[in-house]
Amino acid sequence: MGLDVALGGLPFEERLIERSSDFAVGPGLVLRTCGAEDLIILKAFAGRDIDWFDVRGIAIRQAGRLDEALIFRELNPLIELKGTPEAGERLRDVLRQAR
């Protein structure tokens, strides 16, 4: 199983960590995880086909509960830095379709 690791070097990653929460996966086993909004941001930024598939699933599962303002506030500077402004429009389409 693949695992993505973020090193916390960007201000966004610091805020992601601040927003993260514990998730009990079993007796005495707790993992620190990010919320749905941050997972969408990470996946939209990565932009691989599998990431967009995941974004669509998260958007459908969390329909009506996502803080879209937070998502775009955090994502826009990242995609500007990466030079992929089309990611923002693609995400808007995915979120619109999931509603």
N, C-alpha and C. Protein backbone atom coordinates (compact mmCIF):
# COMPACT_ATOMS: atom_id res chain seq x y z
N MET A 1 0.85 -1.17 0.00
CA MET A 1 0.00 0.00 0.00
C MET A 1 0.89 1.23 0.00
N GLY A 2 0.59 2.17 -0.91
CA GLY A 2 1.34 3.42 -0.97
C GLY A 2 0.94 4.35 0.15
N LEU A 3 1.83 5.22 0.50
CA LEU A 3 1.58 6.18 1.56
C LEU A 3 2.19 7.51 1.17
N ASP A 4 1.38 8.57 1.20
CA ASP A 4 1.88 9.91 0.94
C ASP A 4 2.22 10.57 2.26
N VAL A 5 3.37 11.23 2.30
CA VAL A 5 3.83 11.90 3.51
C VAL A 5 4.10 13.36 3.19
N ALA A 6 3.58 14.26 3.99
CA ALA A 6 3.86 15.69 3.87
C ALA A 6 4.81 16.08 4.99
N LEU A 7 5.78 16.89 4.67
CA LEU A 7 6.80 17.25 5.66
C LEU A 7 6.46 18.51 6.45
N GLY A 8 5.37 19.17 6.14
CA GLY A 8 4.95 20.33 6.92
C GLY A 8 5.79 21.57 6.66
N GLY A 9 6.31 21.71 5.45
CA GLY A 9 7.15 22.85 5.14
C GLY A 9 6.41 24.08 4.65
N LEU A 10 5.15 23.92 4.23
CA LEU A 10 4.36 25.04 3.73
C LEU A 10 3.41 25.53 4.82
N PRO A 11 3.08 26.82 4.80
CA PRO A 11 2.10 27.33 5.78
C PRO A 11 0.78 26.54 5.72
N PHE A 12 0.35 26.16 4.52
CA PHE A 12 -0.87 25.35 4.41
C PHE A 12 -0.74 24.07 5.22
N GLU A 13 0.40 23.41 5.12
CA GLU A 13 0.58 22.15 5.85
C GLU A 13 0.54 22.37 7.36
N GLU A 14 1.04 23.49 7.82
CA GLU A 14 0.97 23.81 9.25
C GLU A 14 -0.49 23.97 9.68
N ARG A 15 -1.27 24.67 8.85
CA ARG A 15 -2.69 24.85 9.17
C ARG A 15 -3.44 23.52 9.09
N LEU A 16 -3.08 22.67 8.13
CA LEU A 16 -3.68 21.35 8.01
C LEU A 16 -3.46 20.57 9.30
N ILE A 17 -2.26 20.62 9.82
CA ILE A 17 -1.95 19.91 11.07
C ILE A 17 -2.78 20.47 12.22
N GLU A 18 -2.93 21.79 12.26
CA GLU A 18 -3.74 22.42 13.32
C GLU A 18 -5.20 21.96 13.24
N ARG A 19 -5.69 21.74 12.02
CA ARG A 19 -7.09 21.31 11.84
C ARG A 19 -7.27 19.80 11.97
N SER A 20 -6.20 19.05 12.01
CA SER A 20 -6.30 17.59 12.05
C SER A 20 -6.90 17.12 13.37
N SER A 21 -7.33 15.87 13.38
CA SER A 21 -7.93 15.31 14.60
C SER A 21 -7.58 13.83 14.71
N ASP A 22 -7.76 13.32 15.91
CA ASP A 22 -7.48 11.90 16.15
C ASP A 22 -8.64 11.05 15.65
N PHE A 23 -8.29 9.88 15.13
CA PHE A 23 -9.27 8.93 14.64
C PHE A 23 -8.92 7.56 15.19
N ALA A 24 -9.82 6.99 15.98
CA ALA A 24 -9.57 5.67 16.58
C ALA A 24 -9.81 4.60 15.51
N VAL A 25 -8.76 3.83 15.22
CA VAL A 25 -8.88 2.77 14.23
C VAL A 25 -8.99 1.40 14.87
N GLY A 26 -8.84 1.35 16.16
CA GLY A 26 -8.95 0.10 16.89
C GLY A 26 -8.67 0.36 18.35
N PRO A 27 -8.83 -0.66 19.18
CA PRO A 27 -8.56 -0.49 20.61
C PRO A 27 -7.11 -0.05 20.84
N GLY A 28 -6.96 1.11 21.43
CA GLY A 28 -5.64 1.64 21.75
C GLY A 28 -4.84 2.11 20.55
N LEU A 29 -5.47 2.20 19.37
CA LEU A 29 -4.76 2.64 18.16
C LEU A 29 -5.45 3.86 17.58
N VAL A 30 -4.74 4.99 17.64
CA VAL A 30 -5.28 6.25 17.17
C VAL A 30 -4.34 6.83 16.12
N LEU A 31 -4.93 7.29 15.01
CA LEU A 31 -4.17 7.97 13.97
C LEU A 31 -4.61 9.42 13.89
N ARG A 32 -3.68 10.28 13.62
CA ARG A 32 -4.00 11.70 13.40
C ARG A 32 -4.32 11.85 11.91
N THR A 33 -5.50 12.35 11.59
CA THR A 33 -5.93 12.45 10.19
C THR A 33 -6.40 13.87 9.87
N CYS A 34 -6.36 14.18 8.60
CA CYS A 34 -6.87 15.48 8.16
C CYS A 34 -8.36 15.35 7.87
N GLY A 35 -9.02 16.48 7.79
CA GLY A 35 -10.44 16.51 7.47
C GLY A 35 -10.68 16.37 5.98
N ALA A 36 -11.93 16.23 5.62
CA ALA A 36 -12.31 16.05 4.22
C ALA A 36 -11.85 17.22 3.36
N GLU A 37 -11.99 18.44 3.87
CA GLU A 37 -11.58 19.61 3.09
C GLU A 37 -10.08 19.56 2.77
N ASP A 38 -9.28 19.26 3.78
CA ASP A 38 -7.84 19.20 3.55
C ASP A 38 -7.45 18.05 2.63
N LEU A 39 -8.15 16.94 2.71
CA LEU A 39 -7.87 15.82 1.82
C LEU A 39 -8.19 16.21 0.38
N ILE A 40 -9.29 16.92 0.18
CA ILE A 40 -9.63 17.40 -1.16
C ILE A 40 -8.55 18.34 -1.67
N ILE A 41 -8.08 19.25 -0.83
CA ILE A 41 -7.03 20.19 -1.22
C ILE A 41 -5.78 19.43 -1.65
N LEU A 42 -5.35 18.49 -0.84
CA LEU A 42 -4.15 17.72 -1.15
C LEU A 42 -4.30 16.96 -2.47
N LYS A 43 -5.44 16.37 -2.68
CA LYS A 43 -5.64 15.57 -3.88
C LYS A 43 -5.82 16.44 -5.12
N ALA A 44 -6.52 17.55 -5.00
CA ALA A 44 -6.66 18.46 -6.14
C ALA A 44 -5.30 19.05 -6.52
N PHE A 45 -4.48 19.33 -5.53
CA PHE A 45 -3.14 19.85 -5.79
C PHE A 45 -2.28 18.80 -6.49
N ALA A 46 -2.36 17.56 -6.04
CA ALA A 46 -1.58 16.48 -6.68
C ALA A 46 -2.05 16.29 -8.12
N GLY A 47 -3.36 16.26 -8.32
CA GLY A 47 -3.94 16.30 -9.65
C GLY A 47 -3.82 15.06 -10.53
N ARG A 48 -3.47 13.92 -9.96
CA ARG A 48 -3.42 12.70 -10.76
C ARG A 48 -4.84 12.19 -11.00
N ASP A 49 -5.03 11.36 -11.99
CA ASP A 49 -6.37 10.83 -12.28
C ASP A 49 -6.98 10.16 -11.05
N ILE A 50 -6.20 9.37 -10.34
CA ILE A 50 -6.70 8.68 -9.15
C ILE A 50 -7.09 9.69 -8.07
N ASP A 51 -6.37 10.81 -7.99
CA ASP A 51 -6.72 11.85 -7.02
C ASP A 51 -8.07 12.47 -7.34
N TRP A 52 -8.32 12.74 -8.63
CA TRP A 52 -9.61 13.33 -9.01
C TRP A 52 -10.75 12.34 -8.79
N PHE A 53 -10.48 11.06 -8.97
CA PHE A 53 -11.48 10.04 -8.65
C PHE A 53 -11.81 10.10 -7.17
N ASP A 54 -10.77 10.21 -6.33
CA ASP A 54 -10.97 10.30 -4.88
C ASP A 54 -11.70 11.58 -4.50
N VAL A 55 -11.34 12.70 -5.12
CA VAL A 55 -12.01 13.98 -4.83
C VAL A 55 -13.50 13.85 -5.10
N ARG A 56 -13.84 13.24 -6.22
CA ARG A 56 -15.26 13.07 -6.57
C ARG A 56 -15.98 12.24 -5.49
N GLY A 57 -15.36 11.17 -5.03
CA GLY A 57 -15.96 10.34 -4.00
C GLY A 57 -16.13 11.07 -2.68
N ILE A 58 -15.12 11.84 -2.29
CA ILE A 58 -15.21 12.61 -1.05
C ILE A 58 -16.31 13.65 -1.17
N ALA A 59 -16.37 14.34 -2.30
CA ALA A 59 -17.38 15.38 -2.51
C ALA A 59 -18.79 14.80 -2.44
N ILE A 60 -18.98 13.63 -3.02
CA ILE A 60 -20.31 13.00 -2.98
C ILE A 60 -20.64 12.58 -1.55
N ARG A 61 -19.70 11.96 -0.87
CA ARG A 61 -19.93 11.46 0.50
C ARG A 61 -20.18 12.62 1.47
N GLN A 62 -19.51 13.75 1.25
CA GLN A 62 -19.60 14.88 2.17
C GLN A 62 -20.51 16.00 1.65
N ALA A 63 -21.30 15.73 0.65
CA ALA A 63 -22.15 16.76 0.03
C ALA A 63 -22.95 17.52 1.08
N GLY A 64 -22.89 18.84 0.97
CA GLY A 64 -23.62 19.70 1.89
C GLY A 64 -22.89 19.98 3.20
N ARG A 65 -21.77 19.31 3.44
CA ARG A 65 -21.05 19.48 4.70
C ARG A 65 -19.65 20.06 4.52
N LEU A 66 -19.23 20.28 3.28
CA LEU A 66 -17.88 20.77 3.04
C LEU A 66 -17.80 22.29 3.18
N ASP A 67 -16.72 22.77 3.75
CA ASP A 67 -16.45 24.20 3.83
C ASP A 67 -15.71 24.59 2.55
N GLU A 68 -16.48 24.90 1.51
CA GLU A 68 -15.88 25.19 0.21
C GLU A 68 -15.04 26.46 0.24
N ALA A 69 -15.42 27.43 1.06
CA ALA A 69 -14.62 28.66 1.18
C ALA A 69 -13.22 28.31 1.69
N LEU A 70 -13.13 27.45 2.69
CA LEU A 70 -11.83 27.01 3.21
C LEU A 70 -11.04 26.29 2.13
N ILE A 71 -11.69 25.40 1.40
CA ILE A 71 -11.01 24.64 0.36
C ILE A 71 -10.35 25.59 -0.64
N PHE A 72 -11.10 26.53 -1.17
CA PHE A 72 -10.55 27.42 -2.20
C PHE A 72 -9.58 28.44 -1.62
N ARG A 73 -9.80 28.86 -0.39
CA ARG A 73 -8.85 29.78 0.26
C ARG A 73 -7.47 29.13 0.38
N GLU A 74 -7.45 27.85 0.69
CA GLU A 74 -6.18 27.13 0.83
C GLU A 74 -5.63 26.65 -0.51
N LEU A 75 -6.51 26.20 -1.40
CA LEU A 75 -6.07 25.62 -2.67
C LEU A 75 -5.56 26.66 -3.65
N ASN A 76 -6.21 27.80 -3.75
CA ASN A 76 -5.85 28.78 -4.78
C ASN A 76 -4.37 29.17 -4.76
N PRO A 77 -3.79 29.51 -3.60
CA PRO A 77 -2.36 29.84 -3.62
C PRO A 77 -1.47 28.66 -4.03
N LEU A 78 -1.88 27.45 -3.69
CA LEU A 78 -1.09 26.26 -4.04
C LEU A 78 -1.09 26.02 -5.54
N ILE A 79 -2.26 26.12 -6.16
CA ILE A 79 -2.31 25.88 -7.61
C ILE A 79 -1.69 27.03 -8.38
N GLU A 80 -1.73 28.22 -7.80
CA GLU A 80 -1.03 29.34 -8.42
C GLU A 80 0.48 29.09 -8.39
N LEU A 81 0.97 28.63 -7.26
CA LEU A 81 2.38 28.30 -7.11
C LEU A 81 2.80 27.20 -8.09
N LYS A 82 1.95 26.21 -8.24
CA LYS A 82 2.23 25.08 -9.13
C LYS A 82 2.01 25.43 -10.60
N GLY A 83 1.23 26.48 -10.85
CA GLY A 83 0.93 26.87 -12.23
C GLY A 83 -0.14 26.02 -12.88
N THR A 84 -1.12 25.58 -12.08
CA THR A 84 -2.20 24.75 -12.60
C THR A 84 -3.57 25.35 -12.25
N PRO A 85 -3.88 26.53 -12.78
CA PRO A 85 -5.16 27.18 -12.43
C PRO A 85 -6.37 26.36 -12.85
N GLU A 86 -6.20 25.45 -13.82
CA GLU A 86 -7.33 24.63 -14.25
C GLU A 86 -7.82 23.69 -13.15
N ALA A 87 -6.98 23.43 -12.16
CA ALA A 87 -7.39 22.57 -11.06
C ALA A 87 -8.52 23.20 -10.26
N GLY A 88 -8.50 24.50 -10.10
CA GLY A 88 -9.57 25.19 -9.38
C GLY A 88 -10.90 25.07 -10.08
N GLU A 89 -10.90 25.24 -11.39
CA GLU A 89 -12.15 25.12 -12.15
C GLU A 89 -12.63 23.67 -12.17
N ARG A 90 -11.72 22.76 -12.29
CA ARG A 90 -12.11 21.34 -12.27
C ARG A 90 -12.74 20.98 -10.93
N LEU A 91 -12.18 21.50 -9.84
CA LEU A 91 -12.74 21.23 -8.52
C LEU A 91 -14.12 21.86 -8.38
N ARG A 92 -14.29 23.07 -8.87
CA ARG A 92 -15.61 23.70 -8.82
C ARG A 92 -16.65 22.82 -9.53
N ASP A 93 -16.28 22.27 -10.68
CA ASP A 93 -17.20 21.40 -11.42
C ASP A 93 -17.53 20.15 -10.61
N VAL A 94 -16.52 19.53 -10.02
CA VAL A 94 -16.74 18.32 -9.23
C VAL A 94 -17.66 18.61 -8.05
N LEU A 95 -17.40 19.71 -7.35
CA LEU A 95 -18.24 20.05 -6.19
C LEU A 95 -19.67 20.37 -6.61
N ARG A 96 -19.82 21.06 -7.73
CA ARG A 96 -21.14 21.40 -8.24
C ARG A 96 -21.92 20.13 -8.58
N GLN A 97 -21.27 19.18 -9.22
CA GLN A 97 -21.92 17.93 -9.61
C GLN A 97 -22.29 17.07 -8.39
N ALA A 98 -21.55 17.21 -7.31
CA ALA A 98 -21.78 16.38 -6.12
C ALA A 98 -22.94 16.90 -5.27
N ARG A 99 -23.37 18.11 -5.49
CA ARG A 99 -24.44 18.69 -4.67
C ARG A 99 -25.78 18.06 -4.94
